Amino acid sequence: MLTFYFICVLVGLIFAVLSFIFSGGFEANVDIAADVGADAGGDFGHDVTGGDVGVGDVHFPLFSPVVLACFVTAFGGGGIIGLKMFPFMPILSLLFAIGSGLLVGLLVGFIVMKIFTALQVNAITTARSLIGSVAEVTEIIGAAGVGQISFSGRQGRVSGPARSEENKDIGRHAMVTITRVVGGLYYVREHVDEKLRNVPEAKEDKTSKKDKK
């Protein structure tokens, strides 16, 4: 029994280290999705109204790699302690091992759940703070496609994929307003200054066409 418990401790520790290195016990079992939306009000202002936040669930199953690794490690450690406490009653050491494994596994699962819940709240807060921010188009955004924008963030310049909220082409270097953030995708619409800048150009085109006629 003692050898078996030592093997459990060793396997559990190795499994826990590998899970941490490859993030198998954290990222692979946690689904954090933030959907933050808002409508930019008016063509001549920056007011953002109708803010709506939808939060995805944090999924951390009890049978995740991290919890299992901690359970196996605690099971082996508890079994070793149980054998020392009840040398002539192996069945009690087994019960002590199972109890130790369950206690540590549930505790680790609860702690990790709290950590990822905090990360989720922080992600949503960050996404909400971006609503109404002005960004520059660095890669053309097609009417039905995805381009790229760049804007100033807390840690400096930030770039990310963007889609037109109005399903229209937006040229490179155009200024846009972020209207909502869905996952890692930014929805934008042309900034009011950009629209006003395009008005004289449209009038000039119409005038030139009339002169040619």
C-alpha atoms as a PDB file:
ATOM      1  CA  MET A   1       0.000   0.000   0.000  1.00  0.00           C
ATOM      2  CA  LEU A   2       2.817   2.389   0.878  1.00  0.00           C
ATOM      3  CA  THR A   3       4.379   1.949  -2.565  1.00  0.00           C
ATOM      4  CA  PHE A   4       1.011   2.540  -4.203  1.00  0.00           C
ATOM      5  CA  TYR A   5       0.521   5.800  -2.290  1.00  0.00           C
ATOM      6  CA  PHE A   6       4.021   6.992  -3.202  1.00  0.00           C
ATOM      7  CA  ILE A   7       3.297   6.298  -6.872  1.00  0.00           C
ATOM      8  CA  CYS A   8       0.077   8.317  -6.601  1.00  0.00           C
ATOM      9  CA  VAL A   9       1.964  11.264  -5.125  1.00  0.00           C
ATOM     10  CA  LEU A  10       4.606  11.114  -7.864  1.00  0.00           C
ATOM     11  CA  VAL A  11       2.113  10.739 -10.717  1.00  0.00           C
ATOM     12  CA  GLY A  12      -0.076  13.511  -9.321  1.00  0.00           C
ATOM     13  CA  LEU A  13       2.825  15.945  -9.019  1.00  0.00           C
ATOM     14  CA  ILE A  14       4.092  15.223 -12.542  1.00  0.00           C
ATOM     15  CA  PHE A  15       0.594  15.558 -13.963  1.00  0.00           C
ATOM     16  CA  ALA A  16       0.047  18.857 -12.110  1.00  0.00           C
ATOM     17  CA  VAL A  17       3.320  20.307 -13.436  1.00  0.00           C
ATOM     18  CA  LEU A  18       2.540  19.267 -17.009  1.00  0.00           C
ATOM     19  CA  SER A  19      -0.981  20.697 -16.724  1.00  0.00           C
ATOM     20  CA  PHE A  20       0.449  24.000 -15.541  1.00  0.00           C
ATOM     21  CA  ILE A  21       3.095  24.148 -18.275  1.00  0.00           C
ATOM     22  CA  PHE A  22       0.700  23.390 -21.103  1.00  0.00           C
ATOM     23  CA  SER A  23      -2.233  25.241 -19.487  1.00  0.00           C
ATOM     24  CA  GLY A  24      -4.313  22.115 -19.926  1.00  0.00           C
ATOM     25  CA  GLY A  25      -5.944  22.477 -16.542  1.00  0.00           C
ATOM     26  CA  PHE A  26      -6.811  26.128 -16.886  1.00  0.00           C
ATOM     27  CA  GLU A  27      -7.367  27.488 -20.382  1.00  0.00           C
ATOM     28  CA  ALA A  28      -8.705  24.297 -21.938  1.00  0.00           C
ATOM     29  CA  ASN A  29     -11.524  23.999 -19.417  1.00  0.00           C
ATOM     30  CA  VAL A  30     -12.540  27.602 -18.960  1.00  0.00           C
ATOM     31  CA  ASP A  31     -14.874  29.349 -21.378  1.00  0.00           C
ATOM     32  CA  ILE A  32     -14.925  33.085 -20.749  1.00  0.00           C
ATOM     33  CA  ALA A  33     -17.011  35.012 -23.255  1.00  0.00           C
ATOM     34  CA  ALA A  34     -17.915  38.672 -23.029  1.00  0.00           C
ATOM     35  CA  ASP A  35     -20.408  40.327 -25.342  1.00  0.00           C
ATOM     36  CA  VAL A  36     -20.579  44.040 -24.754  1.00  0.00           C
ATOM     37  CA  GLY A  37     -22.783  46.071 -27.070  1.00  0.00           C
ATOM     38  CA  ALA A  38     -23.921  49.655 -27.479  1.00  0.00           C
ATOM     39  CA  ASP A  39     -25.403  51.918 -30.127  1.00  0.00           C
ATOM     40  CA  ALA A  40     -23.719  55.177 -30.943  1.00  0.00           C
ATOM     41  CA  GLY A  41     -26.365  57.849 -30.698  1.00  0.00           C
ATOM     42  CA  GLY A  42     -26.661  60.527 -33.363  1.00  0.00           C
ATOM     43  CA  ASP A  43     -24.532  61.325 -36.390  1.00  0.00           C
ATOM     44  CA  PHE A  44     -22.933  64.374 -34.797  1.00  0.00           C
ATOM     45  CA  GLY A  45     -21.967  63.174 -31.346  1.00  0.00           C
ATOM     46  CA  HIS A  46     -20.153  60.567 -29.349  1.00  0.00           C
ATOM     47  CA  ASP A  47     -22.922  59.641 -26.950  1.00  0.00           C
ATOM     48  CA  VAL A  48     -23.219  55.952 -26.375  1.00  0.00           C
ATOM     49  CA  THR A  49     -26.600  54.652 -25.344  1.00  0.00           C
ATOM     50  CA  GLY A  50     -28.294  51.342 -24.935  1.00  0.00           C
ATOM     51  CA  GLY A  51     -25.335  49.638 -23.308  1.00  0.00           C
ATOM     52  CA  ASP A  52     -25.987  45.935 -22.959  1.00  0.00           C
ATOM     53  CA  VAL A  53     -23.711  43.386 -21.418  1.00  0.00           C
ATOM     54  CA  GLY A  54     -23.974  39.631 -21.787  1.00  0.00           C
ATOM     55  CA  VAL A  55     -21.630  37.409 -19.839  1.00  0.00           C
ATOM     56  CA  GLY A  56     -20.619  33.892 -20.819  1.00  0.00           C
ATOM     57  CA  ASP A  57     -20.420  31.163 -18.230  1.00  0.00           C
ATOM     58  CA  VAL A  58     -17.221  30.014 -16.607  1.00  0.00           C
ATOM     59  CA  HIS A  59     -17.028  26.275 -17.094  1.00  0.00           C
ATOM     60  CA  PHE A  60     -14.617  24.447 -14.803  1.00  0.00           C
ATOM     61  CA  PRO A  61     -15.570  20.768 -14.507  1.00  0.00           C
ATOM     62  CA  LEU A  62     -14.613  18.813 -11.416  1.00  0.00           C
ATOM     63  CA  PHE A  63     -12.863  16.276 -13.631  1.00  0.00           C
ATOM     64  CA  SER A  64     -10.488  18.842 -15.153  1.00  0.00           C
ATOM     65  CA  PRO A  65      -6.765  17.941 -15.311  1.00  0.00           C
ATOM     66  CA  VAL A  66      -5.772  20.299 -12.504  1.00  0.00           C
ATOM     67  CA  VAL A  67      -8.393  18.992 -10.079  1.00  0.00           C
ATOM     68  CA  LEU A  68      -7.602  15.385 -10.943  1.00  0.00           C
ATOM     69  CA  ALA A  69      -3.872  15.973 -10.462  1.00  0.00           C
ATOM     70  CA  CYS A  70      -4.453  17.556  -7.066  1.00  0.00           C
ATOM     71  CA  PHE A  71      -6.828  14.742  -6.084  1.00  0.00           C
ATOM     72  CA  VAL A  72      -4.292  12.031  -6.970  1.00  0.00           C
ATOM     73  CA  THR A  73      -1.485  13.854  -5.156  1.00  0.00           C
ATOM     74  CA  ALA A  74      -3.576  14.439  -2.034  1.00  0.00           C
ATOM     75  CA  PHE A  75      -4.868  10.866  -2.220  1.00  0.00           C
ATOM     76  CA  GLY A  76      -1.326   9.505  -2.139  1.00  0.00           C
ATOM     77  CA  GLY A  77      -0.214  11.903   0.585  1.00  0.00           C
ATOM     78  CA  GLY A  78      -3.295  11.172   2.678  1.00  0.00           C
ATOM     79  CA  GLY A  79      -2.737   7.455   2.254  1.00  0.00           C
ATOM     80  CA  ILE A  80       0.842   7.718   3.512  1.00  0.00           C
ATOM     81  CA  ILE A  81      -0.302   9.711   6.542  1.00  0.00           C
ATOM     82  CA  GLY A  82      -3.146   7.224   7.091  1.00  0.00           C
ATOM     83  CA  LEU A  83      -0.706   4.299   7.160  1.00  0.00           C
ATOM     84  CA  LYS A  84       1.350   6.098   9.781  1.00  0.00           C
ATOM     85  CA  MET A  85      -1.753   6.802  11.865  1.00  0.00           C
ATOM     86  CA  PHE A  86      -3.402   3.378  11.406  1.00  0.00           C
ATOM     87  CA  PRO A  87      -0.569   0.912  10.668  1.00  0.00           C
ATOM     88  CA  PHE A  88      -2.682  -2.168  11.404  1.00  0.00           C
ATOM     89  CA  MET A  89      -5.860  -0.989   9.653  1.00  0.00           C
ATOM     90  CA  PRO A  90      -5.127  -0.353   5.934  1.00  0.00           C
ATOM     91  CA  ILE A  91      -8.813   0.213   5.203  1.00  0.00           C
ATOM     92  CA  LEU A  92      -8.765   3.318   7.418  1.00  0.00           C
ATOM     93  CA  SER A  93      -5.740   4.657   5.559  1.00  0.00           C
ATOM     94  CA  LEU A  94      -7.657   4.190   2.296  1.00  0.00           C
ATOM     95  CA  LEU A  95     -10.637   6.115   3.655  1.00  0.00           C
ATOM     96  CA  PHE A  96      -8.286   8.829   4.904  1.00  0.00           C
ATOM     97  CA  ALA A  97      -6.649   8.981   1.454  1.00  0.00           C
ATOM     98  CA  ILE A  98      -9.998   9.311  -0.339  1.00  0.00           C
ATOM     99  CA  GLY A  99     -11.145  12.018   2.079  1.00  0.00           C
ATOM    100  CA  SER A 100      -7.904  13.945   1.631  1.00  0.00           C
ATOM    101  CA  GLY A 101      -8.134  13.718  -2.147  1.00  0.00           C
ATOM    102  CA  LEU A 102     -11.730  14.914  -2.261  1.00  0.00           C
ATOM    103  CA  LEU A 103     -11.061  17.786   0.132  1.00  0.00           C
ATOM    104  CA  VAL A 104      -8.007  19.074  -1.734  1.00  0.00           C
ATOM    105  CA  GLY A 105      -9.578  18.548  -5.166  1.00  0.00           C
ATOM    106  CA  LEU A 106     -12.721  20.494  -4.279  1.00  0.00           C
ATOM    107  CA  LEU A 107     -10.679  23.241  -2.635  1.00  0.00           C
ATOM    108  CA  VAL A 108      -8.459  23.659  -5.702  1.00  0.00           C
ATOM    109  CA  GLY A 109     -11.512  23.674  -7.994  1.00  0.00           C
ATOM    110  CA  PHE A 110     -13.161  26.370  -5.883  1.00  0.00           C
ATOM    111  CA  ILE A 111     -10.012  28.546  -5.878  1.00  0.00           C
ATOM    112  CA  VAL A 112      -9.521  28.267  -9.632  1.00  0.00           C
ATOM    113  CA  MET A 113     -13.193  29.067 -10.214  1.00  0.00           C
ATOM    114  CA  LYS A 114     -12.811  32.242  -8.157  1.00  0.00           C
ATOM    115  CA  ILE A 115      -9.703  33.256 -10.103  1.00  0.00           C
ATOM    116  CA  PHE A 116     -11.365  32.864 -13.486  1.00  0.00           C
ATOM    117  CA  THR A 117     -14.527  34.589 -12.335  1.00  0.00           C
ATOM    118  CA  ALA A 118     -12.382  37.599 -11.381  1.00  0.00           C
ATOM    119  CA  LEU A 119     -10.648  37.474 -14.778  1.00  0.00           C
ATOM    120  CA  GLN A 120     -14.026  37.366 -16.504  1.00  0.00           C
ATOM    121  CA  VAL A 121     -15.277  40.442 -14.655  1.00  0.00           C
ATOM    122  CA  ASN A 122     -12.061  42.290 -15.511  1.00  0.00           C
ATOM    123  CA  ALA A 123     -12.384  41.361 -19.190  1.00  0.00           C
ATOM    124  CA  ILE A 124     -15.959  42.641 -19.323  1.00  0.00           C
ATOM    125  CA  THR A 125     -15.017  45.889 -17.580  1.00  0.00           C
ATOM    126  CA  THR A 126     -12.191  46.442 -20.064  1.00  0.00           C
ATOM    127  CA  ALA A 127     -14.450  45.718 -23.048  1.00  0.00           C
ATOM    128  CA  ARG A 128     -17.151  48.068 -21.748  1.00  0.00           C
ATOM    129  CA  SER A 129     -14.607  50.891 -21.318  1.00  0.00           C
ATOM    130  CA  LEU A 130     -13.769  50.655 -25.035  1.00  0.00           C
ATOM    131  CA  ILE A 131     -17.294  51.501 -26.174  1.00  0.00           C
ATOM    132  CA  GLY A 132     -17.226  54.932 -27.817  1.00  0.00           C
ATOM    133  CA  SER A 133     -13.430  54.954 -28.199  1.00  0.00           C
ATOM    134  CA  VAL A 134     -11.956  56.299 -31.438  1.00  0.00           C
ATOM    135  CA  ALA A 135      -9.728  54.009 -33.482  1.00  0.00           C
ATOM    136  CA  GLU A 136      -7.886  54.080 -36.798  1.00  0.00           C
ATOM    137  CA  VAL A 137      -8.425  51.524 -39.541  1.00  0.00           C
ATOM    138  CA  THR A 138      -5.094  49.907 -40.351  1.00  0.00           C
ATOM    139  CA  GLU A 139      -6.458  47.270 -42.742  1.00  0.00           C
ATOM    140  CA  ILE A 140      -9.454  47.924 -44.991  1.00  0.00           C
ATOM    141  CA  ILE A 141     -12.751  46.730 -43.518  1.00  0.00           C
ATOM    142  CA  GLY A 142     -14.956  45.251 -46.232  1.00  0.00           C
ATOM    143  CA  ALA A 143     -18.728  45.530 -46.148  1.00  0.00           C
ATOM    144  CA  ALA A 144     -19.046  41.857 -45.303  1.00  0.00           C
ATOM    145  CA  GLY A 145     -15.501  41.177 -44.212  1.00  0.00           C
ATOM    146  CA  VAL A 146     -13.113  41.731 -41.342  1.00  0.00           C
ATOM    147  CA  GLY A 147     -10.338  44.308 -41.258  1.00  0.00           C
ATOM    148  CA  GLN A 148      -8.146  45.646 -38.514  1.00  0.00           C
ATOM    149  CA  ILE A 149      -8.121  48.697 -36.269  1.00  0.00           C
ATOM    150  CA  SER A 150      -5.603  50.256 -33.924  1.00  0.00           C
ATOM    151  CA  PHE A 151      -6.275  52.397 -30.869  1.00  0.00           C
ATOM    152  CA  SER A 152      -4.673  53.595 -27.654  1.00  0.00           C
ATOM    153  CA  GLY A 153      -5.125  51.235 -24.706  1.00  0.00           C
ATOM    154  CA  ARG A 154      -3.935  51.143 -21.124  1.00  0.00           C
ATOM    155  CA  GLN A 155      -0.761  49.288 -22.085  1.00  0.00           C
ATOM    156  CA  GLY A 156      -0.097  51.349 -25.215  1.00  0.00           C
ATOM    157  CA  ARG A 157      -1.180  50.862 -28.819  1.00  0.00           C
ATOM    158  CA  VAL A 158      -3.616  47.986 -29.342  1.00  0.00           C
ATOM    159  CA  SER A 159      -4.575  46.310 -32.622  1.00  0.00           C
ATOM    160  CA  GLY A 160      -7.433  43.925 -33.267  1.00  0.00           C
ATOM    161  CA  PRO A 161      -9.848  42.539 -35.882  1.00  0.00           C
ATOM    162  CA  ALA A 162     -12.829  44.738 -36.702  1.00  0.00           C
ATOM    163  CA  ARG A 163     -16.100  44.528 -38.609  1.00  0.00           C
ATOM    164  CA  SER A 164     -18.308  47.339 -39.921  1.00  0.00           C
ATOM    165  CA  GLU A 165     -21.445  47.844 -37.832  1.00  0.00           C
ATOM    166  CA  GLU A 166     -23.198  49.356 -40.873  1.00  0.00           C
ATOM    167  CA  ASN A 167     -22.018  46.667 -43.337  1.00  0.00           C
ATOM    168  CA  LYS A 168     -20.185  49.173 -45.529  1.00  0.00           C
ATOM    169  CA  ASP A 169     -16.607  49.508 -46.743  1.00  0.00           C
ATOM    170  CA  ILE A 170     -14.296  51.539 -44.528  1.00  0.00           C
ATOM    171  CA  GLY A 171     -10.970  52.595 -46.016  1.00  0.00           C
ATOM    172  CA  ARG A 172      -7.539  52.446 -44.461  1.00  0.00           C
ATOM    173  CA  HIS A 173      -6.576  55.317 -42.119  1.00  0.00           C
ATOM    174  CA  ALA A 174     -10.249  56.208 -41.634  1.00  0.00           C
ATOM    175  CA  MET A 175     -11.308  57.111 -38.093  1.00  0.00           C
ATOM    176  CA  VAL A 176     -13.987  54.900 -36.565  1.00  0.00           C
ATOM    177  CA  THR A 177     -15.891  54.586 -33.304  1.00  0.00           C
ATOM    178  CA  ILE A 178     -16.033  51.283 -31.447  1.00  0.00           C
ATOM    179  CA  THR A 179     -19.690  50.417 -30.854  1.00  0.00           C
ATOM    180  CA  ARG A 180     -19.406  46.974 -29.275  1.00  0.00           C
ATOM    181  CA  VAL A 181     -16.992  44.165 -28.558  1.00  0.00           C
ATOM    182  CA  VAL A 182     -17.921  40.520 -29.084  1.00  0.00           C
ATOM    183  CA  GLY A 183     -15.192  38.196 -27.887  1.00  0.00           C
ATOM    184  CA  GLY A 184     -12.070  39.552 -29.564  1.00  0.00           C
ATOM    185  CA  LEU A 185     -13.910  41.187 -32.482  1.00  0.00           C
ATOM    186  CA  TYR A 186     -14.519  44.952 -32.516  1.00  0.00           C
ATOM    187  CA  TYR A 187     -17.616  46.329 -34.241  1.00  0.00           C
ATOM    188  CA  VAL A 188     -17.123  49.858 -35.521  1.00  0.00           C
ATOM    189  CA  ARG A 189     -18.799  52.598 -37.527  1.00  0.00           C
ATOM    190  CA  GLU A 190     -17.307  55.619 -39.235  1.00  0.00           C
ATOM    191  CA  HIS A 191     -16.480  58.447 -36.860  1.00  0.00           C
ATOM    192  CA  VAL A 192     -18.648  61.556 -37.230  1.00  0.00           C
ATOM    193  CA  ASP A 193     -15.634  63.633 -38.345  1.00  0.00           C
ATOM    194  CA  GLU A 194     -14.923  61.060 -41.053  1.00  0.00           C
ATOM    195  CA  LYS A 195     -18.512  61.314 -42.315  1.00  0.00           C
ATOM    196  CA  LEU A 196     -18.337  65.120 -42.409  1.00  0.00           C
ATOM    197  CA  ARG A 197     -15.032  64.921 -44.254  1.00  0.00           C
ATOM    198  CA  ASN A 198     -16.619  62.744 -46.923  1.00  0.00           C
ATOM    199  CA  VAL A 199     -19.572  65.107 -47.491  1.00  0.00           C
ATOM    200  CA  PRO A 200     -17.641  67.807 -49.466  1.00  0.00           C
ATOM    201  CA  GLU A 201     -15.946  65.085 -51.523  1.00  0.00           C
ATOM    202  CA  ALA A 202     -19.325  63.644 -52.486  1.00  0.00           C
ATOM    203  CA  LYS A 203     -20.612  67.105 -53.474  1.00  0.00           C
ATOM    204  CA  GLU A 204     -17.506  67.784 -55.575  1.00  0.00           C
ATOM    205  CA  ASP A 205     -17.983  64.505 -57.421  1.00  0.00           C
ATOM    206  CA  LYS A 206     -21.595  65.379 -58.241  1.00  0.00           C
ATOM    207  CA  THR A 207     -20.568  68.897 -59.396  1.00  0.00           C
ATOM    208  CA  SER A 208     -17.804  67.571 -61.624  1.00  0.00           C
ATOM    209  CA  LYS A 209     -20.198  65.103 -63.235  1.00  0.00           C
ATOM    210  CA  LYS A 210     -22.683  67.922 -63.996  1.00  0.00           C
ATOM    211  CA  ASP A 211     -19.924  70.097 -65.522  1.00  0.00           C
ATOM    212  CA  LYS A 212     -18.845  67.256 -67.793  1.00  0.00           C
ATOM    213  CA  LYS A 213     -22.408  66.928 -69.061  1.00  0.00           C
END
